[in-house]
Amino acid sequence: MQTETTQTIFQKVPMLSEDDQKKVLETVESLLDEKTLNDVRPISAIFEELSNQIPLAEWEESPNDGAENHDFYLYGAPKKNG
């Protein structure tokens, strides 16, 4: 969803020189980095947020023996039975 501000930025940035466009990009990246560094939630909360973005059908297709057979799924080693 684009806001009015986003649309205005998209309209005006092409009017800037290449160097000024790079400065805008650096500013945006700096703001995003700052936001990431300030995310002090527990890793479990971040994992929960990310896992909620995966459709339930995808979770249902994932293997239920991943802990026991992780070498099989990661490296193709023989699968353990039991």
N, C-alpha and C. Protein backbone atom coordinates (compact mmCIF):
# COMPACT_ATOMS: atom_id res chain seq x y z
N MET A 1 0.84 -1.17 0.00
CA MET A 1 0.00 0.00 0.00
C MET A 1 0.90 1.25 0.00
N GLN A 2 0.72 2.06 -1.00
CA GLN A 2 1.51 3.28 -1.10
C GLN A 2 0.75 4.44 -0.46
N THR A 3 1.48 5.18 0.35
CA THR A 3 0.89 6.38 0.94
C THR A 3 1.11 7.55 0.00
N GLU A 4 0.50 8.65 0.31
CA GLU A 4 0.69 9.86 -0.48
C GLU A 4 2.15 10.30 -0.42
N THR A 5 2.76 10.13 0.74
CA THR A 5 4.17 10.49 0.90
C THR A 5 5.04 9.63 0.00
N THR A 6 4.78 8.34 -0.03
CA THR A 6 5.56 7.43 -0.89
C THR A 6 5.44 7.84 -2.35
N GLN A 7 4.24 8.14 -2.78
CA GLN A 7 4.03 8.56 -4.17
C GLN A 7 4.79 9.84 -4.48
N THR A 8 4.78 10.78 -3.55
CA THR A 8 5.50 12.04 -3.74
C THR A 8 7.00 11.79 -3.86
N ILE A 9 7.53 10.91 -3.01
CA ILE A 9 8.95 10.57 -3.07
C ILE A 9 9.28 9.96 -4.43
N PHE A 10 8.46 9.02 -4.88
CA PHE A 10 8.70 8.38 -6.18
C PHE A 10 8.68 9.39 -7.32
N GLN A 11 7.85 10.42 -7.21
CA GLN A 11 7.78 11.43 -8.26
C GLN A 11 9.00 12.36 -8.25
N LYS A 12 9.51 12.66 -7.08
CA LYS A 12 10.55 13.67 -6.97
C LYS A 12 11.97 13.10 -7.09
N VAL A 13 12.20 11.89 -6.65
CA VAL A 13 13.56 11.32 -6.67
C VAL A 13 14.15 11.32 -8.08
N PRO A 14 13.41 10.95 -9.13
CA PRO A 14 14.01 10.97 -10.47
C PRO A 14 14.48 12.35 -10.93
N MET A 15 13.99 13.40 -10.29
CA MET A 15 14.41 14.76 -10.66
C MET A 15 15.78 15.10 -10.09
N LEU A 16 16.27 14.30 -9.16
CA LEU A 16 17.57 14.55 -8.53
C LEU A 16 18.70 14.00 -9.37
N SER A 17 19.88 14.53 -9.13
CA SER A 17 21.07 13.99 -9.80
C SER A 17 21.36 12.60 -9.25
N GLU A 18 22.19 11.86 -9.96
CA GLU A 18 22.56 10.50 -9.54
C GLU A 18 23.18 10.53 -8.14
N ASP A 19 24.05 11.51 -7.88
CA ASP A 19 24.68 11.62 -6.56
C ASP A 19 23.65 11.88 -5.47
N ASP A 20 22.71 12.76 -5.75
CA ASP A 20 21.68 13.05 -4.76
C ASP A 20 20.75 11.84 -4.54
N GLN A 21 20.48 11.10 -5.61
CA GLN A 21 19.68 9.89 -5.46
C GLN A 21 20.39 8.88 -4.55
N LYS A 22 21.72 8.79 -4.69
CA LYS A 22 22.50 7.90 -3.83
C LYS A 22 22.42 8.36 -2.37
N LYS A 23 22.42 9.68 -2.14
CA LYS A 23 22.29 10.20 -0.79
C LYS A 23 20.93 9.84 -0.20
N VAL A 24 19.89 9.94 -1.01
CA VAL A 24 18.55 9.56 -0.55
C VAL A 24 18.54 8.08 -0.17
N LEU A 25 19.12 7.25 -1.02
CA LEU A 25 19.18 5.82 -0.74
C LEU A 25 19.95 5.54 0.55
N GLU A 26 21.08 6.21 0.74
CA GLU A 26 21.86 6.04 1.97
C GLU A 26 21.04 6.43 3.20
N THR A 27 20.27 7.51 3.07
CA THR A 27 19.43 7.95 4.19
C THR A 27 18.35 6.91 4.51
N VAL A 28 17.70 6.40 3.48
CA VAL A 28 16.67 5.39 3.69
C VAL A 28 17.27 4.14 4.31
N GLU A 29 18.41 3.69 3.80
CA GLU A 29 19.05 2.50 4.36
C GLU A 29 19.47 2.73 5.80
N SER A 30 19.95 3.91 6.11
CA SER A 30 20.33 4.24 7.48
C SER A 30 19.13 4.18 8.41
N LEU A 31 18.01 4.71 7.98
CA LEU A 31 16.79 4.67 8.79
C LEU A 31 16.34 3.22 9.01
N LEU A 32 16.43 2.41 7.97
CA LEU A 32 16.04 1.00 8.10
C LEU A 32 16.99 0.25 9.04
N ASP A 33 18.29 0.52 8.93
CA ASP A 33 19.26 -0.10 9.82
C ASP A 33 18.99 0.28 11.27
N GLU A 34 18.68 1.55 11.49
CA GLU A 34 18.39 2.04 12.83
C GLU A 34 17.18 1.31 13.41
N LYS A 35 16.17 1.14 12.58
CA LYS A 35 14.95 0.46 13.02
C LYS A 35 15.27 -0.99 13.39
N THR A 36 16.10 -1.65 12.60
CA THR A 36 16.48 -3.04 12.87
C THR A 36 17.27 -3.14 14.16
N LEU A 37 18.20 -2.21 14.38
CA LEU A 37 19.01 -2.24 15.59
C LEU A 37 18.18 -1.98 16.84
N ASN A 38 17.10 -1.24 16.69
CA ASN A 38 16.24 -0.92 17.83
C ASN A 38 15.21 -2.01 18.11
N ASP A 39 15.19 -3.06 17.32
CA ASP A 39 14.26 -4.16 17.53
C ASP A 39 14.83 -5.06 18.63
N VAL A 40 14.41 -4.84 19.85
CA VAL A 40 14.97 -5.55 20.99
C VAL A 40 14.01 -6.61 21.53
N ARG A 41 13.12 -7.08 20.68
CA ARG A 41 12.21 -8.13 21.11
C ARG A 41 12.97 -9.44 21.30
N PRO A 42 12.44 -10.33 22.11
CA PRO A 42 13.07 -11.65 22.24
C PRO A 42 13.03 -12.38 20.90
N ILE A 43 14.02 -13.22 20.67
CA ILE A 43 14.09 -13.96 19.40
C ILE A 43 12.84 -14.80 19.18
N SER A 44 12.23 -15.27 20.26
CA SER A 44 11.01 -16.07 20.13
C SER A 44 9.87 -15.24 19.53
N ALA A 45 9.79 -13.97 19.89
CA ALA A 45 8.75 -13.10 19.33
C ALA A 45 9.00 -12.83 17.85
N ILE A 46 10.26 -12.65 17.49
CA ILE A 46 10.60 -12.44 16.08
C ILE A 46 10.29 -13.69 15.28
N PHE A 47 10.68 -14.87 15.82
CA PHE A 47 10.38 -16.13 15.14
C PHE A 47 8.88 -16.33 14.98
N GLU A 48 8.11 -16.02 16.02
CA GLU A 48 6.66 -16.17 15.93
C GLU A 48 6.08 -15.27 14.84
N GLU A 49 6.55 -14.03 14.79
CA GLU A 49 6.08 -13.10 13.76
C GLU A 49 6.38 -13.64 12.36
N LEU A 50 7.61 -14.13 12.17
CA LEU A 50 7.99 -14.65 10.86
C LEU A 50 7.23 -15.92 10.52
N SER A 51 7.06 -16.80 11.50
CA SER A 51 6.37 -18.07 11.23
C SER A 51 4.90 -17.84 10.93
N ASN A 52 4.31 -16.78 11.47
CA ASN A 52 2.92 -16.46 11.17
C ASN A 52 2.72 -16.00 9.73
N GLN A 53 3.80 -15.63 9.07
CA GLN A 53 3.71 -15.20 7.67
C GLN A 53 3.70 -16.38 6.71
N ILE A 54 3.99 -17.58 7.22
CA ILE A 54 4.00 -18.78 6.39
C ILE A 54 2.62 -19.42 6.45
N PRO A 55 2.00 -19.69 5.29
CA PRO A 55 0.67 -20.29 5.30
C PRO A 55 0.66 -21.64 6.00
N LEU A 56 -0.46 -21.96 6.66
CA LEU A 56 -0.60 -23.20 7.40
C LEU A 56 -0.35 -24.42 6.50
N ALA A 57 -0.77 -24.34 5.25
CA ALA A 57 -0.56 -25.46 4.32
C ALA A 57 0.93 -25.76 4.15
N GLU A 58 1.77 -24.74 4.17
CA GLU A 58 3.21 -24.96 4.06
C GLU A 58 3.75 -25.67 5.29
N TRP A 59 3.27 -25.27 6.48
CA TRP A 59 3.71 -25.93 7.71
C TRP A 59 3.31 -27.40 7.70
N GLU A 60 2.11 -27.69 7.17
CA GLU A 60 1.62 -29.07 7.15
C GLU A 60 2.45 -29.95 6.23
N GLU A 61 3.09 -29.36 5.22
CA GLU A 61 3.93 -30.13 4.30
C GLU A 61 5.35 -30.34 4.82
N SER A 62 5.73 -29.62 5.87
CA SER A 62 7.10 -29.76 6.37
C SER A 62 7.26 -31.10 7.11
N PRO A 63 8.46 -31.67 7.07
CA PRO A 63 8.67 -32.98 7.70
C PRO A 63 8.52 -32.89 9.22
N ASN A 64 8.00 -33.97 9.81
CA ASN A 64 7.85 -33.99 11.26
C ASN A 64 9.00 -34.73 11.95
N ASP A 65 9.98 -35.16 11.17
CA ASP A 65 11.14 -35.84 11.75
C ASP A 65 12.43 -35.05 11.47
N GLY A 66 12.29 -33.74 11.36
CA GLY A 66 13.43 -32.89 11.02
C GLY A 66 14.56 -32.92 12.02
N ALA A 67 14.24 -33.06 13.30
CA ALA A 67 15.30 -33.09 14.32
C ALA A 67 16.12 -34.37 14.18
N GLU A 68 15.44 -35.48 14.01
CA GLU A 68 16.13 -36.76 13.93
C GLU A 68 16.87 -36.93 12.61
N ASN A 69 16.29 -36.42 11.53
CA ASN A 69 16.85 -36.64 10.20
C ASN A 69 17.36 -35.35 9.54
N HIS A 70 17.86 -34.43 10.35
CA HIS A 70 18.33 -33.17 9.77
C HIS A 70 19.47 -33.38 8.77
N ASP A 71 20.33 -34.36 8.99
CA ASP A 71 21.40 -34.63 8.03
C ASP A 71 20.84 -35.10 6.68
N PHE A 72 19.75 -35.84 6.72
CA PHE A 72 19.09 -36.28 5.50
C PHE A 72 18.55 -35.07 4.73
N TYR A 73 17.83 -34.17 5.45
CA TYR A 73 17.20 -33.03 4.78
C TYR A 73 18.21 -31.97 4.34
N LEU A 74 19.30 -31.84 5.08
CA LEU A 74 20.29 -30.82 4.72
C LEU A 74 21.34 -31.31 3.73
N TYR A 75 21.78 -32.56 3.92
CA TYR A 75 22.95 -33.03 3.17
C TYR A 75 22.70 -34.29 2.33
N GLY A 76 21.51 -34.89 2.47
CA GLY A 76 21.21 -36.10 1.71
C GLY A 76 21.79 -37.37 2.32
N ALA A 77 22.17 -37.31 3.59
CA ALA A 77 22.67 -38.52 4.28
C ALA A 77 21.54 -39.53 4.38
N PRO A 78 21.87 -40.81 4.63
CA PRO A 78 20.80 -41.80 4.79
C PRO A 78 19.84 -41.40 5.91
N LYS A 79 18.57 -41.67 5.66
CA LYS A 79 17.54 -41.33 6.64
C LYS A 79 17.56 -42.35 7.78
N LYS A 80 17.39 -41.87 9.01
CA LYS A 80 17.36 -42.74 10.18
C LYS A 80 15.95 -43.29 10.33
N ASN A 81 15.82 -44.52 10.69
CA ASN A 81 14.50 -45.15 10.88
C ASN A 81 14.28 -45.40 12.37
N GLY A 82 13.51 -44.54 12.98
CA GLY A 82 13.14 -44.77 14.36
C GLY A 82 13.97 -44.04 15.28
